[in-house]
C-alpha atoms as a PDB file:
ATOM      1  CA  MET A   1     121.878 113.602  93.792  1.00  0.00           C
ATOM      2  CA  GLU A   2     119.370 116.718  93.942  1.00  0.00           C
ATOM      3  CA  GLU A   3     116.879 116.935  97.263  1.00  0.00           C
ATOM      4  CA  LYS A   4     113.802 116.229  95.027  1.00  0.00           C
ATOM      5  CA  ASP A   5     115.830 112.686  94.202  1.00  0.00           C
ATOM      6  CA  LYS A   6     116.587 111.739  97.814  1.00  0.00           C
ATOM      7  CA  LYS A   7     112.906 112.361  98.460  1.00  0.00           C
ATOM      8  CA  ILE A   8     111.668 109.931  96.437  1.00  0.00           C
ATOM      9  CA  ILE A   9     113.961 107.127  97.248  1.00  0.00           C
ATOM     10  CA  ASP A  10     113.133 108.167 100.945  1.00  0.00           C
ATOM     11  CA  ARG A  11     109.069 107.257  99.962  1.00  0.00           C
ATOM     12  CA  VAL A  12     110.295 104.384  98.301  1.00  0.00           C
ATOM     13  CA  LEU A  13     111.852 102.866 100.680  1.00  0.00           C
ATOM     14  CA  ASN A  14     109.360 104.070 103.546  1.00  0.00           C
ATOM     15  CA  VAL A  15     106.636 101.970 101.388  1.00  0.00           C
ATOM     16  CA  ILE A  16     108.969  99.221 100.984  1.00  0.00           C
ATOM     17  CA  ASP A  17     110.164  99.076 104.642  1.00  0.00           C
ATOM     18  CA  THR A  18     106.453  99.650 106.098  1.00  0.00           C
ATOM     19  CA  SER A  19     105.248  96.585 104.379  1.00  0.00           C
ATOM     20  CA  GLY A  20     108.026  94.276 106.051  1.00  0.00           C
ATOM     21  CA  THR A  21     108.473  92.982 102.096  1.00  0.00           C
ATOM     22  CA  ASN A  22     111.685  91.855 101.452  1.00  0.00           C
ATOM     23  CA  SER A  23     114.141  92.386  98.108  1.00  0.00           C
ATOM     24  CA  TYR A  24     114.326  88.627  97.723  1.00  0.00           C
ATOM     25  CA  ALA A  25     110.227  88.678  97.732  1.00  0.00           C
ATOM     26  CA  LEU A  26     110.462  91.769  95.203  1.00  0.00           C
ATOM     27  CA  GLU A  27     113.232  90.386  93.123  1.00  0.00           C
ATOM     28  CA  LYS A  28     111.098  87.053  92.313  1.00  0.00           C
ATOM     29  CA  SER A  29     107.607  88.868  91.667  1.00  0.00           C
ATOM     30  CA  GLY A  30     109.554  90.668  89.152  1.00  0.00           C
ATOM     31  CA  ILE A  31     108.848  94.112  90.821  1.00  0.00           C
ATOM     32  CA  ILE A  32     113.000  95.174  90.812  1.00  0.00           C
ATOM     33  CA  LYS A  33     115.967  93.372  89.148  1.00  0.00           C
ATOM     34  CA  ASN A  34     118.749  92.420  91.338  1.00  0.00           C
ATOM     35  CA  ALA A  35     116.757  94.096  94.261  1.00  0.00           C
ATOM     36  CA  SER A  36     119.450  93.651  97.288  1.00  0.00           C
ATOM     37  CA  THR A  37     122.157  95.268  95.091  1.00  0.00           C
ATOM     38  CA  VAL A  38     119.641  98.128  93.819  1.00  0.00           C
ATOM     39  CA  ILE A  39     117.839  98.651  97.009  1.00  0.00           C
ATOM     40  CA  ALA A  40     121.379  99.042  98.991  1.00  0.00           C
ATOM     41  CA  GLN A  41     122.572 101.734  96.191  1.00  0.00           C
ATOM     42  CA  TRP A  42     119.212 103.535  96.705  1.00  0.00           C
ATOM     43  CA  ARG A  43     119.646 103.781 100.452  1.00  0.00           C
ATOM     44  CA  LYS A  44     123.189 105.570  99.863  1.00  0.00           C
ATOM     45  CA  TYR A  45     121.542 107.499  97.261  1.00  0.00           C
ATOM     46  CA  ARG A  46     123.892 106.375  94.876  1.00  0.00           C
ATOM     47  CA  GLN A  47     121.184 105.617  92.174  1.00  0.00           C
ATOM     48  CA  LYS A  48     117.645 106.401  91.897  1.00  0.00           C
ATOM     49  CA  PRO A  49     114.842 104.255  91.033  1.00  0.00           C
ATOM     50  CA  SER A  50     113.502 104.392  87.141  1.00  0.00           C
ATOM     51  CA  THR A  51     110.250 105.147  86.046  1.00  0.00           C
ATOM     52  CA  ASP A  52     109.291 101.794  85.395  1.00  0.00           C
ATOM     53  CA  ALA A  53     110.497 100.985  89.356  1.00  0.00           C
ATOM     54  CA  ILE A  54     108.098 103.359  90.512  1.00  0.00           C
ATOM     55  CA  VAL A  55     105.413 102.396  88.110  1.00  0.00           C
ATOM     56  CA  LYS A  56     105.814  98.799  89.518  1.00  0.00           C
ATOM     57  CA  ILE A  57     106.386  99.587  93.170  1.00  0.00           C
ATOM     58  CA  ALA A  58     103.326 101.863  92.956  1.00  0.00           C
ATOM     59  CA  LYS A  59     101.042  99.682  91.749  1.00  0.00           C
ATOM     60  CA  TYR A  60     102.489  96.457  93.930  1.00  0.00           C
ATOM     61  CA  PHE A  61     101.799  98.151  97.244  1.00  0.00           C
ATOM     62  CA  ASN A  62      98.578  99.952  96.222  1.00  0.00           C
ATOM     63  CA  VAL A  63      99.782 103.439  96.472  1.00  0.00           C
ATOM     64  CA  THR A  64      99.806 106.286  93.489  1.00  0.00           C
ATOM     65  CA  THR A  65     102.868 107.412  91.380  1.00  0.00           C
ATOM     66  CA  ASP A  66     102.059 110.759  92.791  1.00  0.00           C
ATOM     67  CA  TYR A  67     103.150 110.142  96.154  1.00  0.00           C
ATOM     68  CA  LEU A  68     106.346 108.270  95.250  1.00  0.00           C
ATOM     69  CA  LEU A  69     107.302 111.213  93.152  1.00  0.00           C
ATOM     70  CA  GLY A  70     106.695 113.593  96.395  1.00  0.00           C
ATOM     71  CA  HIS A  71     103.382 114.623  96.065  1.00  0.00           C
ATOM     72  CA  PRO A  72     101.298 114.681  99.527  1.00  0.00           C
ATOM     73  CA  ASP A  73      98.732 112.285  98.422  1.00  0.00           C
ATOM     74  CA  MET A  74      99.097 108.760 100.122  1.00  0.00           C
ATOM     75  CA  PRO A  75      95.400 107.190 100.077  1.00  0.00           C
ATOM     76  CA  ARG A  76      93.955 106.782 103.666  1.00  0.00           C
ATOM     77  CA  PRO A  77      93.002 103.455 104.897  1.00  0.00           C
ATOM     78  CA  LYS A  78      89.627 102.453 104.399  1.00  0.00           C
ATOM     79  CA  THR A  79      87.433 102.364 106.906  1.00  0.00           C
ATOM     80  CA  GLU A  80      85.448  98.908 107.409  1.00  0.00           C
ATOM     81  CA  ASP A  81      82.103 100.659 106.099  1.00  0.00           C
ATOM     82  CA  GLU A  82      84.161 102.214 103.126  1.00  0.00           C
ATOM     83  CA  LEU A  83      85.616  98.607 102.311  1.00  0.00           C
ATOM     84  CA  GLU A  84      81.952  96.780 102.667  1.00  0.00           C
ATOM     85  CA  ALA A  85      80.253  99.370 100.423  1.00  0.00           C
ATOM     86  CA  GLU A  86      83.221  98.761  97.812  1.00  0.00           C
ATOM     87  CA  LEU A  87      83.114  95.003  98.305  1.00  0.00           C
ATOM     88  CA  MET A  88      79.210  94.861  97.597  1.00  0.00           C
ATOM     89  CA  GLU A  89      79.632  97.379  94.552  1.00  0.00           C
ATOM     90  CA  ARG A  90      82.763  95.104  93.074  1.00  0.00           C
ATOM     91  CA  ILE A  91      82.466  91.701  93.709  1.00  0.00           C
ATOM     92  CA  GLY A  92      78.357  91.012  94.766  1.00  0.00           C
ATOM     93  CA  ALA A  93      78.881  90.720  98.923  1.00  0.00           C
ATOM     94  CA  ILE A  94      75.783  89.999 100.197  1.00  0.00           C
ATOM     95  CA  PRO A  95      74.530  90.135 103.834  1.00  0.00           C
ATOM     96  CA  MET A  96      74.299  86.287 105.569  1.00  0.00           C
ATOM     97  CA  ASP A  97      70.830  86.154 106.337  1.00  0.00           C
ATOM     98  CA  GLU A  98      69.960  86.789 102.562  1.00  0.00           C
ATOM     99  CA  LEU A  99      69.476  83.428 101.367  1.00  0.00           C
ATOM    100  CA  ASN A 100      68.855  82.657  97.534  1.00  0.00           C
ATOM    101  CA  GLN A 101      67.552  79.307  95.973  1.00  0.00           C
ATOM    102  CA  HIS A 102      70.767  76.959  95.365  1.00  0.00           C
ATOM    103  CA  PRO A 103      71.606  74.604  98.499  1.00  0.00           C
ATOM    104  CA  ILE A 104      75.495  74.579  98.528  1.00  0.00           C
ATOM    105  CA  PRO A 105      77.746  72.792 101.276  1.00  0.00           C
ATOM    106  CA  VAL A 106      80.526  75.160 103.429  1.00  0.00           C
ATOM    107  CA  VAL A 107      83.176  72.249 103.498  1.00  0.00           C
ATOM    108  CA  GLY A 108      85.318  73.780 105.826  1.00  0.00           C
ATOM    109  CA  ILE A 109      88.126  76.298 107.138  1.00  0.00           C
ATOM    110  CA  ALA A 110      90.521  78.054 104.704  1.00  0.00           C
ATOM    111  CA  ALA A 111      93.023  80.556 105.575  1.00  0.00           C
ATOM    112  CA  ALA A 112      93.142  84.423 105.168  1.00  0.00           C
ATOM    113  CA  GLY A 113      96.501  84.550 106.842  1.00  0.00           C
ATOM    114  CA  ASN A 114      99.408  82.010 106.815  1.00  0.00           C
ATOM    115  CA  PRO A 115      97.808  78.829 105.160  1.00  0.00           C
ATOM    116  CA  ILE A 116      96.578  76.030 107.331  1.00  0.00           C
ATOM    117  CA  TRP A 117      94.641  72.751 106.653  1.00  0.00           C
ATOM    118  CA  ALA A 118      91.334  72.920 105.298  1.00  0.00           C
ATOM    119  CA  VAL A 119      88.585  70.672 107.003  1.00  0.00           C
ATOM    120  CA  GLU A 120      86.903  68.438 104.140  1.00  0.00           C
ATOM    121  CA  ASP A 121      83.809  68.056 105.784  1.00  0.00           C
ATOM    122  CA  ILE A 122      80.216  69.491 105.226  1.00  0.00           C
ATOM    123  CA  ASP A 123      80.056  72.450 107.922  1.00  0.00           C
ATOM    124  CA  GLU A 124      76.399  73.642 106.822  1.00  0.00           C
ATOM    125  CA  TYR A 125      74.479  74.813 103.575  1.00  0.00           C
ATOM    126  CA  ILE A 126      74.127  78.253 102.755  1.00  0.00           C
ATOM    127  CA  PHE A 127      71.829  79.361  99.437  1.00  0.00           C
ATOM    128  CA  ILE A 128      73.213  81.039  96.174  1.00  0.00           C
ATOM    129  CA  ASN A 129      71.715  82.435  92.916  1.00  0.00           C
ATOM    130  CA  PHE A 130      74.116  81.340  90.290  1.00  0.00           C
ATOM    131  CA  PRO A 131      73.423  78.871  87.820  1.00  0.00           C
ATOM    132  CA  ASN A 132      75.362  75.709  87.925  1.00  0.00           C
ATOM    133  CA  PRO A 133      75.463  75.559  91.453  1.00  0.00           C
ATOM    134  CA  ASP A 134      76.813  72.062  91.538  1.00  0.00           C
ATOM    135  CA  GLU A 135      79.814  74.080  90.628  1.00  0.00           C
ATOM    136  CA  TYR A 136      80.116  76.239  93.910  1.00  0.00           C
ATOM    137  CA  PHE A 137      81.060  75.425  97.310  1.00  0.00           C
ATOM    138  CA  ALA A 138      81.717  77.653 100.059  1.00  0.00           C
ATOM    139  CA  VAL A 139      84.143  77.800 103.035  1.00  0.00           C
ATOM    140  CA  ARG A 140      84.517  79.598 106.389  1.00  0.00           C
ATOM    141  CA  VAL A 141      87.588  81.941 106.555  1.00  0.00           C
ATOM    142  CA  ARG A 142      89.558  82.382 109.119  1.00  0.00           C
ATOM    143  CA  GLY A 143      92.294  85.199 109.519  1.00  0.00           C
ATOM    144  CA  ASP A 144      93.099  88.623 108.479  1.00  0.00           C
ATOM    145  CA  SER A 145      95.154  88.612 105.351  1.00  0.00           C
ATOM    146  CA  MET A 146      92.650  89.650 103.227  1.00  0.00           C
ATOM    147  CA  ILE A 147      90.625  92.179 104.959  1.00  0.00           C
ATOM    148  CA  GLY A 148      91.735  94.783 102.646  1.00  0.00           C
ATOM    149  CA  ALA A 149      89.487  92.865  99.690  1.00  0.00           C
ATOM    150  CA  GLY A 150      86.335  92.872 102.721  1.00  0.00           C
ATOM    151  CA  ILE A 151      87.121  88.909 103.837  1.00  0.00           C
ATOM    152  CA  ALA A 152      87.080  89.209 107.131  1.00  0.00           C
ATOM    153  CA  ASP A 153      87.873  86.479 109.740  1.00  0.00           C
ATOM    154  CA  GLY A 154      84.895  84.153 109.807  1.00  0.00           C
ATOM    155  CA  SER A 155      83.158  85.207 106.567  1.00  0.00           C
ATOM    156  CA  ILE A 156      81.665  82.461 104.617  1.00  0.00           C
ATOM    157  CA  VAL A 157      83.349  83.029 100.381  1.00  0.00           C
ATOM    158  CA  VAL A 158      81.764  81.634  97.895  1.00  0.00           C
ATOM    159  CA  ILE A 159      84.076  79.506  95.500  1.00  0.00           C
ATOM    160  CA  HIS A 160      83.519  78.482  91.545  1.00  0.00           C
ATOM    161  CA  ARG A 161      85.236  74.946  91.312  1.00  0.00           C
ATOM    162  CA  GLN A 162      87.754  75.481  88.704  1.00  0.00           C
ATOM    163  CA  SER A 163      91.577  74.529  88.311  1.00  0.00           C
ATOM    164  CA  ASP A 164      93.547  78.090  87.031  1.00  0.00           C
ATOM    165  CA  ALA A 165      92.645  82.096  87.821  1.00  0.00           C
ATOM    166  CA  ASP A 166      93.390  85.036  85.729  1.00  0.00           C
ATOM    167  CA  SER A 167      96.176  87.274  87.254  1.00  0.00           C
ATOM    168  CA  GLY A 168      94.483  89.287  90.027  1.00  0.00           C
ATOM    169  CA  GLN A 169      91.869  87.530  91.295  1.00  0.00           C
ATOM    170  CA  ILE A 170      91.288  85.833  94.362  1.00  0.00           C
ATOM    171  CA  VAL A 171      91.522  82.162  94.754  1.00  0.00           C
ATOM    172  CA  LEU A 172      91.269  79.325  97.249  1.00  0.00           C
ATOM    173  CA  ALA A 173      94.210  77.268  96.809  1.00  0.00           C
ATOM    174  CA  THR A 174      96.393  74.771  98.170  1.00  0.00           C
ATOM    175  CA  ILE A 175     100.368  75.005  99.139  1.00  0.00           C
ATOM    176  CA  ASP A 176     101.354  71.592 100.005  1.00  0.00           C
ATOM    177  CA  ASN A 177      97.795  70.569 101.107  1.00  0.00           C
ATOM    178  CA  GLU A 178      97.365  73.454 103.066  1.00  0.00           C
ATOM    179  CA  ALA A 179      94.537  75.875 102.146  1.00  0.00           C
ATOM    180  CA  THR A 180      94.316  79.485 101.796  1.00  0.00           C
ATOM    181  CA  ILE A 181      92.936  82.424 100.274  1.00  0.00           C
ATOM    182  CA  LYS A 182      94.768  85.093  98.592  1.00  0.00           C
ATOM    183  CA  ARG A 183      95.051  87.084  95.429  1.00  0.00           C
ATOM    184  CA  PHE A 184      96.646  85.302  92.638  1.00  0.00           C
ATOM    185  CA  LYS A 185      99.499  86.900  90.630  1.00  0.00           C
ATOM    186  CA  ARG A 186     101.580  85.694  87.377  1.00  0.00           C
ATOM    187  CA  THR A 187     104.880  87.377  87.150  1.00  0.00           C
ATOM    188  CA  THR A 188     106.723  88.055  83.779  1.00  0.00           C
ATOM    189  CA  GLN A 189     108.752  85.570  84.813  1.00  0.00           C
ATOM    190  CA  GLY A 190     106.406  82.904  85.187  1.00  0.00           C
ATOM    191  CA  VAL A 191     106.318  82.940  88.888  1.00  0.00           C
ATOM    192  CA  PHE A 192     103.498  81.978  90.726  1.00  0.00           C
ATOM    193  CA  MET A 193     102.603  85.019  93.778  1.00  0.00           C
ATOM    194  CA  LEU A 194      99.868  84.665  96.139  1.00  0.00           C
ATOM    195  CA  LYS A 195      99.354  88.434  97.507  1.00  0.00           C
ATOM    196  CA  PRO A 196      97.529  89.042 100.895  1.00  0.00           C
ATOM    197  CA  GLU A 197      95.655  92.315 101.049  1.00  0.00           C
ATOM    198  CA  ASN A 198      96.893  93.319 104.548  1.00  0.00           C
ATOM    199  CA  ASP A 199     100.524  95.017 105.160  1.00  0.00           C
ATOM    200  CA  LYS A 200     100.913  92.533 107.840  1.00  0.00           C
ATOM    201  CA  TYR A 201     101.531  89.362 105.699  1.00  0.00           C
ATOM    202  CA  ASP A 202     104.252  88.980 102.851  1.00  0.00           C
ATOM    203  CA  PRO A 203     103.422  87.502  99.835  1.00  0.00           C
ATOM    204  CA  ILE A 204     103.765  83.635  99.194  1.00  0.00           C
ATOM    205  CA  ILE A 205     105.990  83.054  96.302  1.00  0.00           C
ATOM    206  CA  VAL A 206     105.219  79.629  94.623  1.00  0.00           C
ATOM    207  CA  ASP A 207     108.488  77.678  94.131  1.00  0.00           C
ATOM    208  CA  LYS A 208     108.106  74.885  91.616  1.00  0.00           C
ATOM    209  CA  LYS A 209     108.884  72.185  94.343  1.00  0.00           C
ATOM    210  CA  CYS A 210     105.696  72.895  96.166  1.00  0.00           C
ATOM    211  CA  ASP A 211     102.595  71.022  95.413  1.00  0.00           C
ATOM    212  CA  PHE A 212     100.426  74.310  94.300  1.00  0.00           C
ATOM    213  CA  ARG A 213      96.737  74.094  93.274  1.00  0.00           C
ATOM    214  CA  ILE A 214      94.013  76.377  92.588  1.00  0.00           C
ATOM    215  CA  LEU A 215      90.818  74.900  93.789  1.00  0.00           C
ATOM    216  CA  GLY A 216      88.982  77.570  92.687  1.00  0.00           C
ATOM    217  CA  ILE A 217      88.194  81.856  92.530  1.00  0.00           C
ATOM    218  CA  VAL A 218      86.052  83.539  94.909  1.00  0.00           C
ATOM    219  CA  LYS A 219      82.840  84.589  93.558  1.00  0.00           C
ATOM    220  CA  GLU A 220      81.074  85.808  96.369  1.00  0.00           C
ATOM    221  CA  ILE A 221      81.299  86.900 100.205  1.00  0.00           C
ATOM    222  CA  ARG A 222      79.015  86.482 102.720  1.00  0.00           C
ATOM    223  CA  ILE A 223      79.112  88.934 105.941  1.00  0.00           C
ATOM    224  CA  LYS A 224      78.743  88.719 109.283  1.00  0.00           C
ATOM    225  CA  VAL A 225      75.210  90.784 110.343  1.00  0.00           C
END
């Protein structure tokens, strides 16, 4: 095997290993078929990743295909200021004290980390500027698994009530009655996955045995200032 191909394998394996993602998760999410066998072959330099695998791995781990192919352009981690600026432009995050006209309840706590119990009790009210405000509620976030999407520990997120979501949307969901906030993904195999935005956490594969429900999608984030 040529050195350039070994370099590609080294970079692919480094991205997978540093994320802590196991072969089971990669296979179930449709990134690599027969992942444990294929990755073992890569480690021995007996097989190189296909173009399709490189594209899927780059998208899944939020790196560029150029980086995996050996070019030195690995995106650096974004600063908190950059994340906040991007978030405010992308999904309309506003400071907590910038209140609008419709009151909605903050009904408890949801995890941006490992799932925890949500407390369905009105903690306080915040104000929003969306039509049909009865379709919205808010929860306070505990944990840092969604920091890459600008959702920090202690933030309040505004949720639009709905029982389904498009792949890629950030959702409030329950798994066996435990609440969590994650990015919702549908795989080509029809498997649901809840993906964190923090490399410290593994994706959650939603098993058919689980009592899984989407309670709504995140529409706005209230930032502590």
